[in-house]
Amino acid sequence: MANSALTRRRFLTLTGGAAAAVAGSGLLAACGTSTTPTTGGAGSVTFPEYAPATLVKPDLPATADGVMAGFYEYPANLATAFTSKPGEGLGNVTVLTNMFNPVPPSAGSNAYWQEVNNRLGATLDITMTPSADYLSKLSTIIAGGQLPDLTLISSKLAHRADVLTRMCADLSEFVSGSAVKDYPFLANIPRDAWLPTAYGGGIYGVPIPRGIAGTIFFSRNDLIRARSLNNAPASYAEFVTLAEGLTDAKANRWAFGGIKRVIVFVGTMLGVPNTWKAEGGKFVSEFETEQRKEAVARTAELYKKGLFHPDSLGGKLQVRDLFGNGTIALHGDGYAAWDTMAAAYKAAEIGAMPAPKAEGGGIAQHPAGAAAFAITAVKKGDKARIKQLLKICDWLAAPLGTTEYMFRKFGIEGTHYTMQNGKPVLTDKGKVEVKLPLEYVIDAPPVLGPGDKARVDAQRAYQEKVVPTMLRSPADGLYSATAVDKAGEMSKIIDAAELDIVSGRKPAAYWDEAVAAWKKAGGDAARAEYEKAVSS
């Protein structure tokens, strides 16, 4: 296998425009006395070699470029991934993570949690914090100078490069290159997901992987077919024709709901970079390109044609519900929403629409989504303990088709779930106890299904069309403190300008004024930090 060392030249070759991180709280004071933030960058990091897990055979195998594996059904014959307890002898293992569900019963009264500890051979002491409060909790822990054994590091954390390089273990010797094969299920995590773990030439965490397909432009194929329209437009002009055909204000039907996702979809047709593009070592923001300006102007034209729901500018629409009940027919959302919406709106025939090149000639390059939800850092300590903590991470990453996965997700069969028509269904006890947020410590790469074969095939067909040529970002794997600290302020400038132009309150030329304000608010500083990081 080729050397995974990421030189500056190779990094720029492999990537191409970047998701700016979102703002968090200032934590530099907690990291030391220095007032100069660490430059985050992959540098010469050797990323883990990608080695797809072979213990379980999916119906549709994953690909190295990020097409997700697919399962039509839950495997009937489960494989056992671990023959020994990965945390045996570690004793108490402290964990800090966020959560989106209600807090489960404590370990003393939770049979599922007790069995997790039993199977690990260690006692997980998990501090769970609601997502909305997580940054505040994390900041307090960092300020105290004592991190848990495993800590979820959010992409919203300001100065995270300093936190990681000063307080957390460099995992390079354990997971770089072929070393990751000691942890076969961490090796099963695609390379894109590892990019956010690189700081200062080292690997400072394990990623919580997500599908690189990112946002999908969903379509109500049943409504499109009912009007004898084309659900696969081959150009921008055909896309407009489709939107016009789907809109009938008298019947309370429109093509679109949200403004932002339409701007992004139109921008994809026009060739807008994925947040940044690199030209001769210099970074150019998507906002500075003529294509991005044109995407806003064209969306304003669509709005003027009356193709948006009349309340689209308010930002309070329940767009999924409107899509599900047929009020709107086209809707951009995360890839995981396909299954969620299909389950919620059973009468809807949901499809996915690849963006065509604006002038025709094939499918446009789609922006790659964030391949990791966050990363989990390991506390500095002796090598033996770090290795075992990574073994626990490996156990948490065991894929669908293993006994470990089924237990993690559903608990003990007969107690927490039963199999009904080939699918695990949680019992009342399972609905209460199996809420431990282990998936926000480490998780297996996401898969398509298990579910309806036609839907899994459609999801796979979409990914096979767009993923192989996805537009990655030259800022992936890099860190800019300004991009994190100033993200909220910078985003407000762009969001307000988009609404002003699309609504007609401002002319399209106003975009240049807004971009100048964005650059002054932090865009230029973020650019300089990315350029410094990629050249180091």
Protein backbone atom coordinates (compact mmCIF):
# COMPACT_ATOMS: atom_id res chain seq x y z
CA MET A 1 0.00 0.00 0.00
CA ALA A 2 1.23 3.51 -0.76
CA ASN A 3 2.76 5.55 2.03
CA SER A 4 0.07 7.59 3.77
CA ALA A 5 2.44 10.42 4.75
CA LEU A 6 0.68 13.68 3.88
CA THR A 7 3.16 16.07 2.35
CA ARG A 8 2.06 19.60 1.48
CA ARG A 9 2.05 18.85 -2.25
CA ARG A 10 0.11 15.59 -1.83
CA PHE A 11 -2.35 17.23 0.55
CA LEU A 12 -3.20 19.92 -2.00
CA THR A 13 -3.50 17.28 -4.70
CA LEU A 14 -5.88 15.11 -2.70
CA THR A 15 -8.13 17.90 -1.52
CA GLY A 16 -9.87 20.74 -3.15
CA GLY A 17 -12.63 23.94 -0.91
CA ALA A 18 -13.60 23.38 3.53
CA ALA A 19 -16.22 23.35 6.05
CA ALA A 20 -15.48 26.20 8.44
CA ALA A 21 -15.81 25.18 12.06
CA VAL A 22 -18.44 26.83 14.20
CA ALA A 23 -17.71 29.25 16.99
CA GLY A 24 -16.98 28.13 20.54
CA SER A 25 -15.81 29.63 23.79
CA GLY A 26 -12.33 31.05 24.23
CA LEU A 27 -10.10 28.63 26.07
CA LEU A 28 -6.57 29.79 25.38
CA ALA A 29 -6.04 30.90 28.94
CA ALA A 30 -6.79 27.40 30.12
CA CYS A 31 -4.13 25.92 27.90
CA GLY A 32 -1.09 27.75 29.19
CA THR A 33 0.52 31.15 29.24
CA SER A 34 1.20 31.46 25.52
CA THR A 35 -0.92 33.99 23.63
CA THR A 36 -0.03 32.53 20.21
CA PRO A 37 -2.34 29.70 19.22
CA THR A 38 -0.85 26.48 17.95
CA THR A 39 -1.02 26.13 14.19
CA GLY A 40 -3.16 23.14 13.36
CA GLY A 41 -2.19 21.20 10.30
CA ALA A 42 -1.63 17.72 9.02
CA GLY A 43 1.96 18.50 8.09
CA SER A 44 3.75 15.18 7.56
CA VAL A 45 1.23 13.11 9.53
CA THR A 46 0.96 9.50 8.40
CA PHE A 47 -2.74 8.74 8.61
CA PRO A 48 -4.03 5.26 9.44
CA GLU A 49 -4.18 2.87 6.51
CA TYR A 50 -7.76 2.13 5.54
CA ALA A 51 -8.44 -1.60 5.88
CA PRO A 52 -12.12 -2.53 5.44
CA ALA A 53 -13.35 -4.98 8.07
CA THR A 54 -13.71 -8.50 6.69
CA LEU A 55 -15.46 -10.12 9.65
CA VAL A 56 -18.86 -9.20 8.26
CA LYS A 57 -19.89 -9.22 4.60
CA PRO A 58 -22.44 -6.51 3.74
CA ASP A 59 -24.82 -6.86 0.81
CA LEU A 60 -23.10 -3.85 -0.73
CA PRO A 61 -19.46 -3.33 0.36
CA ALA A 62 -18.06 0.08 1.27
CA THR A 63 -15.51 1.72 -1.00
CA ALA A 64 -12.28 3.47 -0.12
CA ASP A 65 -13.54 6.79 -1.50
CA GLY A 66 -16.48 6.91 0.91
CA VAL A 67 -19.44 5.09 -0.64
CA MET A 68 -21.17 3.54 2.37
CA ALA A 69 -21.75 -0.19 2.81
CA GLY A 70 -25.34 -1.35 2.45
CA PHE A 71 -27.43 -3.98 4.24
CA TYR A 72 -30.89 -5.13 3.23
CA GLU A 73 -31.44 -7.02 6.48
CA TYR A 74 -29.81 -7.45 9.87
CA PRO A 75 -27.37 -10.37 9.54
CA ALA A 76 -28.91 -13.49 11.07
CA ASN A 77 -25.58 -15.06 12.02
CA LEU A 78 -23.58 -12.59 14.07
CA ALA A 79 -19.79 -12.66 14.23
CA THR A 80 -17.99 -12.25 17.56
CA ALA A 81 -15.26 -9.68 17.17
CA PHE A 82 -13.64 -9.92 20.62
CA THR A 83 -12.71 -13.10 22.44
CA SER A 84 -11.35 -11.22 25.47
CA LYS A 85 -12.42 -8.14 27.41
CA PRO A 86 -10.65 -5.11 25.88
CA GLY A 87 -10.53 -3.08 29.11
CA GLU A 88 -9.57 -5.90 31.48
CA GLY A 89 -7.51 -4.46 34.35
CA LEU A 90 -8.07 -0.78 33.51
CA GLY A 91 -10.39 -0.26 36.47
CA ASN A 92 -12.30 3.02 36.30
CA VAL A 93 -12.39 4.66 32.83
CA THR A 94 -13.66 8.24 32.88
CA VAL A 95 -15.51 9.58 29.84
CA LEU A 96 -16.90 13.00 28.95
CA THR A 97 -19.34 13.21 26.05
CA ASN A 98 -22.51 14.93 24.92
CA MET A 99 -25.95 13.47 24.43
CA PHE A 100 -29.22 14.18 22.62
CA ASN A 101 -31.50 11.75 24.46
CA PRO A 102 -32.85 11.84 28.01
CA VAL A 103 -30.34 10.77 30.66
CA PRO A 104 -30.55 6.99 31.23
CA PRO A 105 -30.69 5.39 34.67
CA SER A 106 -27.36 5.37 36.52
CA ALA A 107 -25.09 2.34 36.41
CA GLY A 108 -26.35 1.09 39.77
CA SER A 109 -29.89 0.65 38.44
CA ASN A 110 -29.19 0.08 34.75
CA ALA A 111 -28.71 -3.54 33.66
CA TYR A 112 -27.50 -2.45 30.23
CA TRP A 113 -24.77 -0.19 31.64
CA GLN A 114 -23.72 -2.96 34.03
CA GLU A 115 -23.40 -5.39 31.12
CA VAL A 116 -21.36 -2.83 29.12
CA ASN A 117 -18.90 -2.73 32.01
CA ASN A 118 -18.90 -6.51 32.25
CA ARG A 119 -18.15 -7.00 28.57
CA LEU A 120 -15.43 -4.35 28.59
CA GLY A 121 -13.82 -5.60 31.79
CA ALA A 122 -13.68 -2.00 33.02
CA THR A 123 -16.01 0.46 34.73
CA LEU A 124 -17.16 3.25 32.43
CA ASP A 125 -17.70 6.41 34.47
CA ILE A 126 -19.51 8.53 31.89
CA THR A 127 -20.31 12.19 32.37
CA MET A 128 -23.16 12.93 29.95
CA THR A 129 -24.01 16.53 29.12
CA PRO A 130 -26.86 17.75 26.91
CA SER A 131 -25.50 18.92 23.58
CA ALA A 132 -26.58 22.54 24.12
CA ASP A 133 -24.51 22.73 27.33
CA TYR A 134 -21.58 20.62 26.22
CA LEU A 135 -19.12 23.37 25.31
CA SER A 136 -19.63 25.05 28.66
CA LYS A 137 -19.03 21.76 30.49
CA LEU A 138 -15.98 20.97 28.38
CA SER A 139 -14.55 24.45 29.00
CA THR A 140 -14.91 23.98 32.75
CA ILE A 141 -13.14 20.60 32.63
CA ILE A 142 -10.30 22.01 30.53
CA ALA A 143 -9.89 25.00 32.83
CA GLY A 144 -9.51 22.57 35.72
CA GLY A 145 -6.55 20.99 33.95
CA GLN A 146 -7.69 17.37 34.37
CA LEU A 147 -9.24 15.70 31.37
CA PRO A 148 -11.04 12.35 31.63
CA ASP A 149 -9.54 9.27 29.97
CA LEU A 150 -11.73 9.83 26.89
CA THR A 151 -13.10 13.25 25.94
CA LEU A 152 -15.28 14.26 23.01
CA ILE A 153 -13.67 17.30 21.37
CA SER A 154 -16.27 19.26 19.46
CA SER A 155 -15.47 21.06 16.20
CA LYS A 156 -16.95 24.11 17.93
CA LEU A 157 -14.20 24.18 20.57
CA ALA A 158 -12.10 27.31 20.28
CA HIS A 159 -8.31 26.82 20.41
CA ARG A 160 -8.77 23.07 20.24
CA ALA A 161 -5.31 22.69 18.69
CA ASP A 162 -3.82 23.99 21.95
CA VAL A 163 -6.05 21.77 24.07
CA LEU A 164 -5.23 18.67 22.08
CA THR A 165 -1.47 19.14 21.72
CA ARG A 166 -0.92 20.23 25.32
CA MET A 167 -3.34 18.05 27.25
CA CYS A 168 -4.01 14.95 25.15
CA ALA A 169 -2.01 11.97 23.98
CA ASP A 170 -0.38 11.93 20.55
CA LEU A 171 -1.72 8.67 19.14
CA SER A 172 0.54 8.61 16.07
CA GLU A 173 2.71 5.68 17.15
CA PHE A 174 -0.37 3.59 17.88
CA VAL A 175 -2.52 4.26 14.80
CA SER A 176 -0.35 5.77 12.04
CA GLY A 177 0.05 3.77 8.85
CA SER A 178 -0.10 0.02 9.36
CA ALA A 179 0.07 0.35 13.17
CA VAL A 180 -3.70 0.87 13.18
CA LYS A 181 -4.15 -2.78 12.18
CA ASP A 182 -3.74 -3.62 15.88
CA TYR A 183 -7.20 -2.04 16.09
CA PRO A 184 -9.00 -3.54 13.07
CA PHE A 185 -12.24 -1.65 13.54
CA LEU A 186 -10.47 1.69 13.84
CA ALA A 187 -8.72 0.72 10.60
CA ASN A 188 -12.22 0.25 9.13
CA ILE A 189 -12.85 4.01 9.53
CA PRO A 190 -12.28 5.75 6.14
CA ARG A 191 -9.35 8.11 5.78
CA ASP A 192 -11.46 11.25 5.34
CA ALA A 193 -12.78 10.87 8.88
CA TRP A 194 -9.24 10.96 10.29
CA LEU A 195 -8.37 14.38 8.82
CA PRO A 196 -9.78 16.38 11.79
CA THR A 197 -7.54 14.42 14.20
CA ALA A 198 -4.28 15.91 12.84
CA TYR A 199 -2.68 18.77 14.74
CA GLY A 200 0.93 19.93 14.87
CA GLY A 201 2.19 16.88 13.00
CA GLY A 202 0.47 14.35 15.27
CA ILE A 203 -2.81 12.44 15.57
CA TYR A 204 -4.68 13.58 18.64
CA GLY A 205 -7.90 11.65 18.61
CA VAL A 206 -10.11 8.97 17.12
CA PRO A 207 -12.92 10.16 14.83
CA ILE A 208 -16.62 9.53 15.22
CA PRO A 209 -17.28 8.80 11.54
CA ARG A 210 -20.06 10.11 9.37
CA GLY A 211 -20.90 9.59 5.70
CA ILE A 212 -19.07 11.90 3.32
CA ALA A 213 -22.17 12.16 1.11
CA GLY A 214 -23.20 15.08 3.33
CA THR A 215 -26.27 17.07 2.28
CA ILE A 216 -28.62 15.55 -0.30
CA PHE A 217 -31.22 17.40 -2.36
CA PHE A 218 -34.29 15.23 -1.84
CA SER A 219 -37.23 15.09 -4.23
CA ARG A 220 -40.84 13.92 -3.95
CA ASN A 221 -40.71 11.58 -6.92
CA ASP A 222 -44.39 10.72 -6.61
CA LEU A 223 -45.37 14.37 -7.05
CA ILE A 224 -42.94 14.78 -9.93
CA ARG A 225 -44.31 11.71 -11.69
CA ALA A 226 -47.92 12.80 -11.13
CA ARG A 227 -47.16 15.95 -13.12
CA SER A 228 -45.19 14.11 -15.80
CA LEU A 229 -42.04 16.05 -14.93
CA ASN A 230 -38.38 15.04 -15.11
CA ASN A 231 -36.88 14.03 -11.75
CA ALA A 232 -33.34 14.06 -13.19
CA PRO A 233 -32.79 17.51 -14.74
CA ALA A 234 -29.65 17.63 -16.89
CA SER A 235 -29.02 21.39 -16.65
CA TYR A 236 -29.97 24.46 -14.65
CA ALA A 237 -32.62 25.33 -17.23
CA GLU A 238 -34.24 21.91 -16.82
CA PHE A 239 -34.05 22.33 -13.03
CA VAL A 240 -35.99 25.59 -13.29
CA THR A 241 -38.58 23.93 -15.52
CA LEU A 242 -39.02 21.20 -12.90
CA ALA A 243 -39.44 23.75 -10.10
CA GLU A 244 -41.99 25.71 -12.09
CA GLY A 245 -43.95 22.56 -12.84
CA LEU A 246 -44.06 21.63 -9.16
CA THR A 247 -45.35 25.02 -8.03
CA ASP A 248 -49.06 25.75 -7.78
CA ALA A 249 -49.71 28.43 -5.17
CA LYS A 250 -53.50 28.05 -5.48
CA ALA A 251 -53.13 24.39 -4.52
CA ASN A 252 -50.75 25.32 -1.66
CA ARG A 253 -47.77 23.69 -3.36
CA TRP A 254 -44.30 25.04 -4.02
CA ALA A 255 -40.99 23.66 -5.20
CA PHE A 256 -38.84 24.94 -2.33
CA GLY A 257 -38.89 25.71 1.39
CA GLY A 258 -35.48 26.73 2.75
CA ILE A 259 -33.33 29.40 1.06
CA LYS A 260 -29.83 28.27 2.07
CA ARG A 261 -30.01 24.73 0.71
CA VAL A 262 -31.21 26.00 -2.67
CA ILE A 263 -28.30 28.46 -2.86
CA VAL A 264 -25.89 25.61 -2.14
CA PHE A 265 -27.53 23.30 -4.70
CA VAL A 266 -27.49 25.98 -7.41
CA GLY A 267 -23.89 26.75 -6.44
CA THR A 268 -23.00 23.09 -6.89
CA MET A 269 -24.35 23.27 -10.44
CA LEU A 270 -22.23 26.37 -11.05
CA GLY A 271 -19.02 24.86 -9.64
CA VAL A 272 -18.72 26.74 -6.34
CA PRO A 273 -15.74 25.50 -4.27
CA ASN A 274 -16.27 23.53 -1.08
CA THR A 275 -15.86 26.56 1.22
CA TRP A 276 -12.27 27.21 0.09
CA LYS A 277 -10.13 26.45 -2.93
CA ALA A 278 -6.33 26.48 -3.15
CA GLU A 279 -4.57 28.26 -5.98
CA GLY A 280 -0.78 28.17 -5.94
CA GLY A 281 -0.71 27.75 -2.17
CA LYS A 282 -3.16 30.63 -1.68
CA PHE A 283 -6.64 30.12 -0.32
CA VAL A 284 -9.69 31.65 -1.98
CA SER A 285 -13.03 31.59 -0.18
CA GLU A 286 -16.13 30.32 -1.95
CA PHE A 287 -17.69 33.69 -1.10
CA GLU A 288 -15.07 35.48 -3.18
CA THR A 289 -15.88 33.53 -6.34
CA GLU A 290 -18.18 34.77 -9.09
CA GLN A 291 -19.96 31.41 -9.02
CA ARG A 292 -21.09 31.90 -5.40
CA LYS A 293 -22.31 35.41 -6.16
CA GLU A 294 -24.21 34.06 -9.16
CA ALA A 295 -25.75 31.26 -7.08
CA VAL A 296 -27.30 33.85 -4.76
CA ALA A 297 -28.49 35.94 -7.73
CA ARG A 298 -30.08 32.93 -9.44
CA THR A 299 -31.81 31.89 -6.21
CA ALA A 300 -33.21 35.42 -6.01
CA GLU A 301 -34.63 34.90 -9.50
CA LEU A 302 -36.24 31.63 -8.39
CA TYR A 303 -37.76 33.43 -5.41
CA LYS A 304 -39.09 36.21 -7.63
CA LYS A 305 -40.76 33.56 -9.81
CA GLY A 306 -42.76 32.48 -6.74
CA LEU A 307 -41.18 29.03 -6.48
CA PHE A 308 -40.57 29.25 -2.71
CA HIS A 309 -43.09 28.77 0.07
CA PRO A 310 -44.23 32.29 1.03
CA ASP A 311 -42.83 31.90 4.57
CA SER A 312 -39.39 30.76 3.40
CA LEU A 313 -37.60 33.92 4.50
CA GLY A 314 -38.74 33.70 8.11
CA GLY A 315 -36.50 30.77 8.96
CA LYS A 316 -39.22 29.12 11.05
CA LEU A 317 -40.67 26.67 8.56
CA GLN A 318 -40.87 23.01 9.55
CA VAL A 319 -39.41 22.12 6.17
CA ARG A 320 -39.31 18.34 6.69
CA ASP A 321 -43.00 18.28 7.55
CA LEU A 322 -43.86 20.41 4.53
CA PHE A 323 -41.82 18.06 2.37
CA GLY A 324 -43.50 15.02 3.91
CA ASN A 325 -47.04 16.32 3.38
CA GLY A 326 -46.33 17.46 -0.16
CA THR A 327 -46.50 21.22 0.39
CA ILE A 328 -42.95 21.48 -0.98
CA ALA A 329 -41.39 18.97 -3.34
CA LEU A 330 -37.62 19.60 -3.15
CA HIS A 331 -35.66 19.73 0.10
CA GLY A 332 -31.97 19.66 1.04
CA ASP A 333 -31.11 17.66 4.17
CA GLY A 334 -28.47 15.37 5.67
CA TYR A 335 -28.02 11.91 4.14
CA ALA A 336 -29.42 10.23 7.28
CA ALA A 337 -32.70 12.10 6.79
CA TRP A 338 -33.61 9.78 3.91
CA ASP A 339 -34.48 6.91 6.26
CA THR A 340 -35.97 9.24 8.87
CA MET A 341 -38.34 10.86 6.41
CA ALA A 342 -39.22 7.56 4.73
CA ALA A 343 -40.26 6.16 8.12
CA ALA A 344 -42.23 9.28 9.07
CA TYR A 345 -43.95 9.88 5.73
CA LYS A 346 -44.79 6.44 4.46
CA ALA A 347 -46.96 7.68 1.58
CA ALA A 348 -44.13 9.76 0.13
CA GLU A 349 -41.83 8.37 -2.55
CA ILE A 350 -38.53 10.02 -1.69
CA GLY A 351 -35.72 10.31 -4.19
CA ALA A 352 -32.37 12.08 -4.34
CA MET A 353 -31.38 14.50 -7.08
CA PRO A 354 -27.72 14.82 -8.08
CA ALA A 355 -26.90 18.36 -9.16
CA PRO A 356 -26.27 18.60 -12.90
CA LYS A 357 -23.67 20.95 -14.32
CA ALA A 358 -25.44 24.24 -14.95
CA GLU A 359 -24.93 24.16 -18.70
CA GLY A 360 -25.37 20.40 -18.99
CA GLY A 361 -22.76 17.78 -19.67
CA GLY A 362 -23.06 15.50 -16.68
CA ILE A 363 -23.23 15.60 -12.91
CA ALA A 364 -21.48 18.43 -11.06
CA GLN A 365 -18.86 17.87 -8.37
CA HIS A 366 -20.72 17.81 -5.07
CA PRO A 367 -19.16 19.26 -1.89
CA ALA A 368 -18.01 16.52 0.46
CA GLY A 369 -19.72 16.54 3.83
CA ALA A 370 -17.98 16.42 7.18
CA ALA A 371 -16.67 12.86 7.50
CA ALA A 372 -16.56 13.05 11.32
CA PHE A 373 -19.11 14.28 13.85
CA ALA A 374 -16.30 15.05 16.29
CA ILE A 375 -13.17 13.39 17.62
CA THR A 376 -12.51 11.65 20.92
CA ALA A 377 -9.19 12.46 22.54
CA VAL A 378 -7.27 10.21 24.93
CA LYS A 379 -5.75 11.54 28.12
CA LYS A 380 -1.96 11.58 28.31
CA GLY A 381 -0.62 8.64 30.28
CA ASP A 382 1.54 5.55 30.10
CA LYS A 383 1.58 3.67 26.81
CA ALA A 384 0.02 0.51 28.17
CA ARG A 385 -3.06 2.38 29.39
CA ILE A 386 -3.37 4.34 26.13
CA LYS A 387 -3.24 1.08 24.15
CA GLN A 388 -6.02 -0.41 26.23
CA LEU A 389 -8.15 2.70 25.94
CA LEU A 390 -7.74 2.38 22.17
CA LYS A 391 -8.88 -1.24 22.48
CA ILE A 392 -12.06 0.01 24.12
CA CYS A 393 -12.43 2.44 21.20
CA ASP A 394 -11.94 -0.49 18.84
CA TRP A 395 -14.72 -2.42 20.62
CA LEU A 396 -17.00 0.60 20.28
CA ALA A 397 -16.28 0.67 16.53
CA ALA A 398 -17.15 -2.98 15.82
CA PRO A 399 -19.49 -2.92 12.80
CA LEU A 400 -23.00 -4.07 12.08
CA GLY A 401 -23.11 -7.86 11.93
CA THR A 402 -21.10 -8.37 15.11
CA THR A 403 -22.43 -9.32 18.52
CA GLU A 404 -20.66 -6.25 19.90
CA TYR A 405 -22.58 -3.91 17.58
CA MET A 406 -25.96 -5.47 18.31
CA PHE A 407 -25.33 -5.28 22.03
CA ARG A 408 -24.13 -1.67 21.87
CA LYS A 409 -27.14 -0.53 19.88
CA PHE A 410 -29.90 -2.68 21.35
CA GLY A 411 -28.71 -4.29 24.58
CA ILE A 412 -29.40 -7.85 25.70
CA GLU A 413 -31.76 -9.85 23.51
CA GLY A 414 -34.88 -10.83 25.41
CA THR A 415 -34.31 -8.12 27.99
CA HIS A 416 -33.78 -4.95 26.01
CA TYR A 417 -34.95 -6.02 22.57
CA THR A 418 -36.62 -8.80 20.65
CA MET A 419 -36.27 -9.73 16.99
CA GLN A 420 -39.51 -9.15 15.07
CA ASN A 421 -39.66 -9.83 11.34
CA GLY A 422 -35.89 -9.84 11.24
CA LYS A 423 -35.51 -6.46 12.97
CA PRO A 424 -34.53 -5.61 16.57
CA VAL A 425 -37.35 -3.89 18.46
CA LEU A 426 -36.62 -2.31 21.83
CA THR A 427 -38.66 -3.42 24.82
CA ASP A 428 -39.95 -0.89 27.33
CA LYS A 429 -36.87 -1.61 29.45
CA GLY A 430 -34.63 -1.17 26.42
CA LYS A 431 -36.20 2.19 25.58
CA VAL A 432 -35.19 3.44 29.02
CA GLU A 433 -31.81 1.80 29.64
CA VAL A 434 -30.20 1.64 26.20
CA LYS A 435 -29.70 5.40 26.06
CA LEU A 436 -26.06 5.43 27.07
CA PRO A 437 -24.46 7.73 24.44
CA LEU A 438 -21.69 5.33 23.43
CA GLU A 439 -22.07 6.43 19.80
CA TYR A 440 -20.72 9.83 20.90
CA VAL A 441 -17.56 8.25 22.24
CA ILE A 442 -16.67 6.15 19.17
CA ASP A 443 -18.86 4.43 16.61
CA ALA A 444 -18.65 2.22 13.56
CA PRO A 445 -18.83 3.88 10.14
CA PRO A 446 -22.47 4.46 9.16
CA VAL A 447 -24.13 2.13 6.67
CA LEU A 448 -27.10 2.20 4.31
CA GLY A 449 -29.96 0.20 5.82
CA PRO A 450 -30.79 -2.32 7.02
CA GLY A 451 -34.09 -1.56 5.37
CA ASP A 452 -36.26 -1.65 2.30
CA LYS A 453 -34.17 -3.06 -0.55
CA ALA A 454 -35.44 -0.55 -3.09
CA ARG A 455 -34.54 2.35 -0.83
CA VAL A 456 -31.09 0.95 0.04
CA ASP A 457 -30.42 0.43 -3.68
CA ALA A 458 -31.54 3.99 -4.45
CA GLN A 459 -29.31 5.39 -1.69
CA ARG A 460 -26.38 3.37 -2.97
CA ALA A 461 -26.99 4.42 -6.58
CA TYR A 462 -26.99 8.08 -5.54
CA GLN A 463 -23.72 7.70 -3.64
CA GLU A 464 -22.07 5.82 -6.50
CA LYS A 465 -22.91 8.77 -8.76
CA VAL A 466 -21.68 11.62 -6.56
CA VAL A 467 -19.11 10.31 -4.06
CA PRO A 468 -16.28 9.26 -6.44
CA THR A 469 -15.88 12.83 -7.73
CA MET A 470 -16.80 14.71 -4.56
CA LEU A 471 -15.10 18.05 -4.03
CA ARG A 472 -13.03 17.93 -0.89
CA SER A 473 -11.64 20.97 0.89
CA PRO A 474 -8.05 22.17 1.10
CA ALA A 475 -8.83 23.15 4.70
CA ASP A 476 -9.81 19.63 5.75
CA GLY A 477 -7.24 18.49 8.27
CA LEU A 478 -6.19 22.08 9.00
CA TYR A 479 -7.09 24.31 11.92
CA SER A 480 -7.81 28.03 12.07
CA ALA A 481 -8.54 29.58 15.44
CA THR A 482 -10.27 32.51 13.72
CA ALA A 483 -12.55 30.19 11.73
CA VAL A 484 -13.76 28.78 15.06
CA ASP A 485 -13.78 31.90 17.23
CA LYS A 486 -15.36 34.21 14.65
CA ALA A 487 -17.60 31.70 12.86
CA GLY A 488 -20.85 32.99 14.35
CA GLU A 489 -20.15 36.62 13.46
CA MET A 490 -18.92 35.72 9.98
CA SER A 491 -21.90 33.47 9.24
CA LYS A 492 -24.38 36.17 10.26
CA ILE A 493 -22.92 38.54 7.69
CA ILE A 494 -23.32 36.01 4.87
CA ASP A 495 -26.74 34.75 5.98
CA ALA A 496 -28.13 38.28 6.25
CA ALA A 497 -26.78 39.20 2.81
CA GLU A 498 -28.30 36.10 1.24
CA LEU A 499 -31.73 36.88 2.68
CA ASP A 500 -31.52 40.54 1.67
CA ILE A 501 -30.62 39.70 -1.92
CA VAL A 502 -33.01 36.75 -2.35
CA SER A 503 -35.91 38.76 -0.91
CA GLY A 504 -35.16 41.67 -3.22
CA ARG A 505 -34.34 44.09 -0.41
CA LYS A 506 -30.82 44.45 -1.81
CA PRO A 507 -29.49 44.14 -5.37
CA ALA A 508 -27.17 41.30 -6.37
CA ALA A 509 -24.26 43.77 -6.37
CA TYR A 510 -24.62 44.06 -2.58
CA TRP A 511 -22.89 40.69 -2.33
CA ASP A 512 -19.49 42.35 -2.84
CA GLU A 513 -20.10 44.65 0.15
CA ALA A 514 -21.11 41.70 2.32
CA VAL A 515 -18.02 39.70 1.34
CA ALA A 516 -15.79 42.66 2.19
CA ALA A 517 -17.41 42.76 5.64
CA TRP A 518 -16.94 38.98 5.99
CA LYS A 519 -13.24 39.30 5.15
CA LYS A 520 -12.80 42.07 7.71
CA ALA A 521 -14.69 40.11 10.38
CA GLY A 522 -12.28 37.19 10.13
CA GLY A 523 -12.24 35.78 6.62
CA ASP A 524 -8.83 37.20 5.78
CA ALA A 525 -7.38 36.10 9.12
CA ALA A 526 -8.74 32.57 8.66
CA ARG A 527 -7.25 32.46 5.19
CA ALA A 528 -3.83 33.41 6.52
CA GLU A 529 -4.02 30.76 9.23
CA TYR A 530 -4.97 28.04 6.77
CA GLU A 531 -2.17 29.06 4.42
CA LYS A 532 0.32 28.99 7.28
CA ALA A 533 -0.94 25.58 8.42
CA VAL A 534 -0.73 23.99 4.98
CA SER A 535 2.79 25.31 4.37
CA SER A 536 4.19 24.14 7.72
